[in-house]
Structure formats: C-alpha cells, structure tokens
Protein backbone atom coordinates (compact mmCIF):
# COMPACT_ATOMS: atom_id res chain seq x y z
CA MET A 1 2.08 -3.89 13.95
CA ALA A 2 0.88 -6.21 16.71
CA ARG A 3 3.37 -7.48 19.26
CA ASP A 4 2.47 -11.05 18.29
CA ASP A 5 3.58 -10.32 14.71
CA ILE A 6 6.89 -8.95 15.93
CA GLU A 7 7.43 -12.01 18.12
CA THR A 8 6.68 -14.24 15.14
CA PHE A 9 9.32 -12.42 13.11
CA ILE A 10 11.90 -12.68 15.90
CA ALA A 11 11.22 -16.38 16.51
CA ASP A 12 10.55 -17.68 12.98
CA GLY A 13 12.60 -15.26 10.91
CA PHE A 14 9.80 -14.13 8.60
CA LEU A 15 6.41 -12.48 8.56
CA ARG A 16 3.67 -12.75 5.93
CA ILE A 17 1.94 -9.48 5.02
CA ASP A 18 -1.39 -10.04 3.27
CA HIS A 19 -2.74 -7.40 0.85
CA ALA A 20 0.60 -5.59 0.97
CA PHE A 21 -0.04 -4.20 -2.51
CA SER A 22 -3.01 -4.30 -4.85
CA GLU A 23 -4.02 -6.88 -7.44
CA ASP A 24 -4.10 -4.01 -9.94
CA LEU A 25 -0.40 -3.30 -9.36
CA ALA A 26 0.32 -7.03 -9.58
CA GLU A 27 -1.51 -7.23 -12.91
CA GLN A 28 0.35 -4.20 -14.28
CA GLY A 29 3.65 -5.73 -13.20
CA ARG A 30 2.85 -9.13 -14.74
CA ALA A 31 2.07 -7.48 -18.08
CA ILE A 32 5.54 -5.92 -18.15
CA LEU A 33 7.19 -9.18 -17.09
CA TRP A 34 5.28 -11.32 -19.62
CA ARG A 35 6.44 -8.95 -22.37
CA ASP A 36 10.05 -9.34 -21.33
CA THR A 37 9.96 -13.13 -21.07
CA GLY A 38 9.27 -13.34 -24.78
CA CYS A 39 6.64 -15.98 -24.00
CA ASP A 40 2.95 -16.00 -24.83
CA PRO A 41 0.78 -16.15 -21.69
CA GLU A 42 -1.92 -17.95 -23.71
CA ASP A 43 0.40 -20.54 -25.29
CA PRO A 44 2.18 -22.92 -22.88
CA SER A 45 4.19 -24.34 -25.80
CA THR A 46 6.25 -21.12 -25.59
CA TRP A 47 7.15 -21.81 -21.96
CA THR A 48 10.25 -23.77 -22.82
CA ARG A 49 12.51 -23.10 -19.82
CA PRO A 50 11.95 -23.82 -16.12
CA VAL A 51 13.08 -20.35 -15.12
CA ILE A 52 13.70 -17.04 -16.88
CA ARG A 53 15.57 -14.52 -14.78
CA LEU A 54 14.61 -10.91 -15.52
CA GLY A 55 16.55 -8.09 -13.92
CA GLY A 56 16.35 -4.41 -13.16
CA TYR A 57 12.70 -3.45 -12.65
CA TRP A 58 12.11 0.12 -11.52
CA ASP A 59 8.90 0.82 -13.47
CA PRO A 60 6.12 2.71 -11.62
CA PRO A 61 4.03 -0.40 -10.74
CA PHE A 62 7.01 -2.05 -9.07
CA ARG A 63 8.08 1.08 -7.24
CA ALA A 64 4.51 1.62 -6.04
CA ALA A 65 4.18 -2.01 -4.89
CA ALA A 66 7.32 -1.70 -2.77
CA ASN A 67 6.22 1.53 -1.08
CA THR A 68 2.62 1.09 0.05
CA PRO A 69 1.61 2.51 3.44
CA VAL A 70 1.18 -1.05 4.74
CA LEU A 71 4.76 -1.94 3.84
CA HIS A 72 6.25 1.33 5.08
CA ALA A 73 4.60 0.70 8.44
CA ALA A 74 6.01 -2.83 8.47
CA TYR A 75 9.52 -1.62 7.58
CA ASP A 76 9.31 0.88 10.44
CA ALA A 77 8.11 -1.80 12.86
CA LEU A 78 10.82 -4.34 12.00
CA ILE A 79 13.79 -2.07 11.24
CA GLY A 80 12.94 1.30 12.81
CA GLU A 81 11.81 4.66 11.53
CA GLU A 82 14.29 6.39 9.20
CA ARG A 83 16.62 3.38 9.36
CA TRP A 84 15.86 2.04 5.87
CA VAL A 85 15.99 3.38 2.31
CA PRO A 86 12.69 3.47 0.39
CA PRO A 87 12.96 0.92 -2.45
CA MET A 88 13.23 2.49 -5.89
CA GLY A 89 12.01 -0.75 -7.51
CA LEU A 90 12.08 -4.49 -7.16
CA GLY A 91 15.17 -5.54 -9.10
CA THR A 92 15.34 -9.14 -10.29
CA PHE A 93 12.40 -11.46 -11.01
CA PRO A 94 13.08 -15.19 -11.42
CA VAL A 95 9.97 -16.20 -13.39
CA ARG A 96 9.30 -19.92 -12.87
CA PHE A 97 7.39 -22.03 -15.37
CA PRO A 98 5.81 -25.48 -15.03
CA SER A 99 8.51 -27.90 -16.15
CA THR A 100 9.88 -31.40 -15.66
CA GLU A 101 13.37 -29.97 -16.17
CA ALA A 102 15.42 -29.16 -13.06
CA PRO A 103 15.69 -25.37 -12.61
CA GLY A 104 19.35 -25.57 -11.55
CA ASP A 105 19.06 -22.81 -8.95
CA ASP A 106 17.11 -24.47 -6.15
CA GLY A 107 19.82 -24.95 -3.52
CA TRP A 108 19.51 -23.72 0.05
CA HIS A 109 21.28 -20.42 0.74
CA VAL A 110 21.27 -17.10 2.54
CA ASP A 111 21.43 -13.83 0.61
CA VAL A 112 24.92 -12.43 1.10
CA SER A 113 25.19 -8.65 1.06
CA PHE A 114 28.78 -7.41 0.66
CA GLY A 115 32.07 -8.40 -0.92
CA ASP A 116 30.43 -8.48 -4.33
CA GLU A 117 33.63 -7.17 -5.91
CA ALA A 118 34.75 -10.82 -5.87
CA PRO A 119 34.13 -12.38 -9.31
CA ASP A 120 32.75 -15.61 -7.83
CA PHE A 121 29.48 -15.02 -5.96
CA MET A 122 30.35 -17.91 -3.63
CA ASP A 123 33.02 -15.55 -2.23
CA TRP A 124 30.48 -12.83 -1.39
CA ARG A 125 29.98 -12.33 2.32
CA VAL A 126 27.56 -11.79 5.20
CA ASN A 127 28.45 -10.70 8.74
CA ILE A 128 26.80 -10.65 12.16
CA ARG A 129 25.58 -7.06 11.74
CA SER A 130 24.08 -7.87 8.32
CA ARG A 131 26.15 -5.25 6.55
CA GLY A 132 24.23 -3.87 3.57
CA ARG A 133 20.91 -5.66 4.12
CA ALA A 134 18.02 -4.96 6.49
CA LEU A 135 15.54 -7.54 5.16
CA LEU A 136 15.07 -10.14 2.46
CA MET A 137 11.67 -9.51 0.86
CA LEU A 138 9.52 -11.79 -1.30
CA PHE A 139 6.90 -9.98 -3.42
CA LEU A 140 4.27 -12.27 -4.97
CA PHE A 141 3.04 -10.85 -8.29
CA SER A 142 1.01 -13.97 -9.11
CA ASP A 143 -1.06 -16.34 -7.01
CA VAL A 144 1.32 -18.92 -5.53
CA GLY A 145 0.02 -22.25 -4.25
CA PRO A 146 1.94 -25.25 -2.89
CA ASP A 147 2.67 -26.57 -6.42
CA ASP A 148 3.65 -23.21 -7.93
CA ALA A 149 7.33 -23.19 -6.88
CA PRO A 150 6.88 -21.24 -3.64
CA THR A 151 10.16 -20.28 -2.01
CA ARG A 152 11.02 -22.70 0.79
CA LEU A 153 11.88 -21.16 4.17
CA ARG A 154 13.67 -22.89 7.03
CA THR A 155 11.73 -21.60 10.01
CA GLY A 156 14.07 -20.29 12.71
CA SER A 157 17.24 -20.83 10.65
CA HIS A 158 18.23 -17.17 11.06
CA ARG A 159 19.17 -18.06 14.63
CA ASP A 160 21.57 -20.80 13.48
CA ILE A 161 23.22 -18.44 11.02
CA ALA A 162 23.58 -15.69 13.64
CA ARG A 163 25.46 -18.04 15.95
CA ARG A 164 27.73 -19.12 13.10
CA LEU A 165 28.50 -15.53 12.09
CA ALA A 166 29.20 -14.12 15.54
CA PRO A 167 32.77 -15.49 15.91
CA ALA A 168 33.72 -14.18 12.46
CA GLY A 169 33.18 -10.55 13.46
CA GLU A 170 33.13 -7.76 10.90
CA ALA A 171 34.80 -9.83 8.16
CA GLY A 172 31.93 -12.28 8.19
CA VAL A 173 31.73 -15.54 6.28
CA THR A 174 31.48 -16.33 2.57
CA LEU A 175 28.51 -18.01 0.96
CA GLY A 176 30.83 -20.85 -0.01
CA GLU A 177 31.85 -21.44 3.59
CA LEU A 178 28.26 -21.46 4.79
CA ALA A 179 27.27 -23.88 2.02
CA ALA A 180 30.15 -26.24 2.79
CA GLU A 181 29.07 -26.33 6.43
CA GLY A 182 25.42 -27.03 5.65
CA PHE A 183 24.26 -23.54 6.60
CA ALA A 184 25.02 -23.91 10.29
CA GLY A 185 23.21 -27.18 10.73
CA SER A 186 19.84 -25.68 9.80
CA ALA A 187 18.68 -28.70 7.77
CA GLY A 188 16.66 -30.01 10.71
CA ARG A 189 14.52 -26.89 10.90
CA PRO A 190 10.84 -27.14 9.89
CA GLU A 191 10.05 -25.80 6.43
CA ALA A 192 7.45 -23.26 5.40
CA ALA A 193 6.44 -22.22 1.89
CA ALA A 194 5.96 -18.63 0.69
CA THR A 195 2.46 -19.10 -0.72
CA GLY A 196 -0.38 -16.63 -1.08
CA PRO A 197 -2.40 -14.58 -3.55
CA ALA A 198 -0.83 -11.86 -5.67
CA GLY A 199 -0.13 -8.86 -3.46
CA THR A 200 1.30 -10.93 -0.60
CA VAL A 201 4.76 -10.00 0.71
CA TYR A 202 7.03 -11.99 3.01
CA LEU A 203 9.43 -9.91 5.09
CA CYS A 204 12.33 -12.13 6.10
CA HIS A 205 15.27 -11.75 8.44
CA PRO A 206 18.40 -11.35 6.28
CA PHE A 207 19.92 -14.51 7.83
CA LEU A 208 16.96 -16.75 6.94
CA VAL A 209 17.98 -19.88 4.98
CA HIS A 210 15.74 -20.34 1.96
CA ALA A 211 15.57 -22.07 -1.42
CA ALA A 212 13.72 -22.15 -4.71
CA GLN A 213 12.07 -25.35 -5.94
CA PRO A 214 10.74 -26.86 -9.19
CA HIS A 215 7.36 -25.72 -10.49
CA ARG A 216 4.81 -28.55 -10.44
CA GLY A 217 1.72 -26.44 -11.08
CA THR A 218 0.08 -25.10 -14.22
CA GLU A 219 0.59 -21.31 -14.23
CA PRO A 220 3.92 -19.41 -14.17
CA ARG A 221 5.03 -17.85 -10.91
CA PHE A 222 6.09 -14.19 -10.79
CA MET A 223 7.97 -13.11 -7.67
CA ALA A 224 10.58 -10.48 -6.81
CA GLN A 225 13.15 -10.96 -4.06
CA PRO A 226 14.74 -7.56 -3.34
CA PRO A 227 16.62 -6.49 -0.24
CA LEU A 228 15.54 -3.67 2.02
CA THR A 229 18.61 -1.47 2.26
CA PRO A 230 19.62 0.05 5.62
CA ARG A 231 20.55 3.71 5.98
CA ALA A 232 23.42 2.88 8.34
CA GLU A 233 25.17 -0.08 9.95
CA PHE A 234 23.23 -2.13 12.47
CA SER A 235 24.36 -2.69 16.05
CA LEU A 236 24.07 -5.80 18.16
CA ASP A 237 22.67 -3.48 20.83
CA GLY A 238 20.10 -1.97 18.47
CA PRO A 239 16.40 -1.72 19.30
CA SER A 240 14.78 -3.14 16.17
CA PRO A 241 13.19 -6.62 16.03
CA MET A 242 15.74 -7.49 13.33
CA GLU A 243 18.57 -6.76 15.79
CA GLN A 244 16.67 -8.27 18.72
CA ALA A 245 16.43 -11.55 16.79
CA ILE A 246 20.21 -11.67 16.47
CA ARG A 247 20.74 -10.93 20.16
CA ARG A 248 18.21 -13.56 21.20
CA ALA A 249 19.91 -16.15 18.97
CA LEU A 250 23.29 -15.42 20.53
CA SER A 251 21.86 -15.83 24.03
CA GLU A 252 20.33 -19.24 23.26
CA THR A 253 21.89 -22.63 23.76
CA PRO A 254 21.62 -24.44 20.42
C-alpha cells in the first residue's frame, strides 16, 4: 500500500479500496440476500420497508469477498501482519430500499466493541485502545451512488473520539455517553459518502463517526458492515497506522 494511502487513513479515518472483491462474488451475495428479504427484485411493490436487517452471513461468497488478496494486503498495511483474524463471513446486512418512510436507524454513532453483556446497547463501550475491534469495514455488494443511502462518514472524526476516550482509560465510554455529548464535538467535520460500484470496500478507523441515511434512489442498497477483529490488544505505542492515528490525535491541539 502506498504511503499516501496510509497517510489518508491516518488523517481522514478511512480508505476506499476499489475492486476489493469481484462483481461475480457481489452478484452471488445479492442473490442470497434477495432470497432472504422475501422481496421480489423485479417488483418494487414488494419493497414495503425502508430497511430490512439480515444477520449472520458466512456463506462462501461472503467469506471469499472478505478474504481477497487485495484486502489481506490492506489489513496487513493498516493493522500489521498476523495482528488480525481472517473474517469468517460478513455478519449483518442492513438492506436499504427506496422509501419516503424514515428508516429509524440513521443517527450518528461509533461502533462500540465491548461490554455487550449489558442489555441496552447504549451501555456498550469503546476505549482508547479499541478493545475488540481493529477496523470498521463497509462492503458494497451493490452499486451505491449519492442517492442510494451511502453511509455518511465524518472525515477526521476518529481524532475527536480518540481525545475524548483517552481520559477514560481502559474502562472507556458508553455509546450513550458519546451520543449525549455529540460525539466529541465532531458535528463540524466535513462529510464524505461511502459510494462506489459493487466490490468497493471502505476500511475505516474504529473511532470514525458515521451514520446511515434514507434511500432516495431507485434500486436497493446491499452493504455489510463487519468489524475486523484483532488477535490481541492494541497499544498506544504500537506501530500500525491504526495506532499511529490515535497517537497523532492525542498529540494535536483540537
């Protein structure tokens, strides 16, 4: 991976990987997902909800899409060799349909990664070493344009979150606390949209603030948003660009 790409990841909090997996794998995956939505891809009258959340996808097309040579090289470059667990699948797919109805799940957030024994997900936690999560990943299984409910990304917001988490130490902060505080004042950050053709993957820093949005286009959007799991705890002195981004944030004056 080029040094410019790594610097982009450190500064912006995400990196777009084009042609990360094949259109053939995307098509195979969509066929499975269409089946499970219970909707007819040829009949928009059956698309009656703004979002259908499908979970637990470990079928061969999804496992293959998550483990291409391009992506393994990117995981190594951003996290470090032998410091991540090869994904066994892609987990949950929120399938978004064109709709005038509010989806109800389009608030800004970060993906918390531990404390999930708490019954209320707003009590789940994230800490400065990103316990349990190496990356947030966005896998586009359909073409996603500006009107097709692309995930919104607050560019550079991972730095705001790092500075908020640092004083909390190992215990970290709950999702509810971060939400009540406006996600560390990140609302002023410029926004980007996770658009691209099927086969595009966005590799995001685990502290990146992001959000869904309503679908204003014409074709459903199929996207997975799995974590990349670390093999061991991260260190604030660690060598990876993911850890470097945290250190750089803590050295900055907001």
